[in-house]
């Protein structure tokens, strides 16, 4: 197998992997304005203003909800595997050896609502974001422990 094929190989998820689901605020935030609009429009005219906001709310909020249900951050000993399900399922296998630093940023409402965005800085200079990571989840600590750990000792071959 050449190095290009190895680079794109899908990693098996071990049974002892830690699975972290994003906060439910992922889909609730987009729903709030639509629920308010739908509720307010019911007092104006149910048929013209009530149906359209409810229809738009379903069109916008339902895919976000389904995406939230299918999203997970899987922590193994060597990889962070990001599973996303918005329309078609996506999977990203990020080796800890490629991550240089990790930071949690709660944002404007995150601190009071119990979530943060986790920023992953790669050794090549790129930045990946894991949004709506719940407070108290082991994501940051797990990654920091893996990127600070010394490399495993090389096994000498006995000829």
Foldseek 3Di string as FASTA:
>chain_A
DDPVVVVPDDDDADPPKDKFAFDPCQLVVVLVVLVVQLVVQCVVPCPPRNVVSVVVSCVPRVLSNVQSVQWIWIGDLFWTWTWTDRPHIDIDTHGLCQFDAKDWAQPDCRVVVFFTWIWTAGPVGDIDIDGRGGPPDCVRVSSVCNNPDDDDDDDDDDD
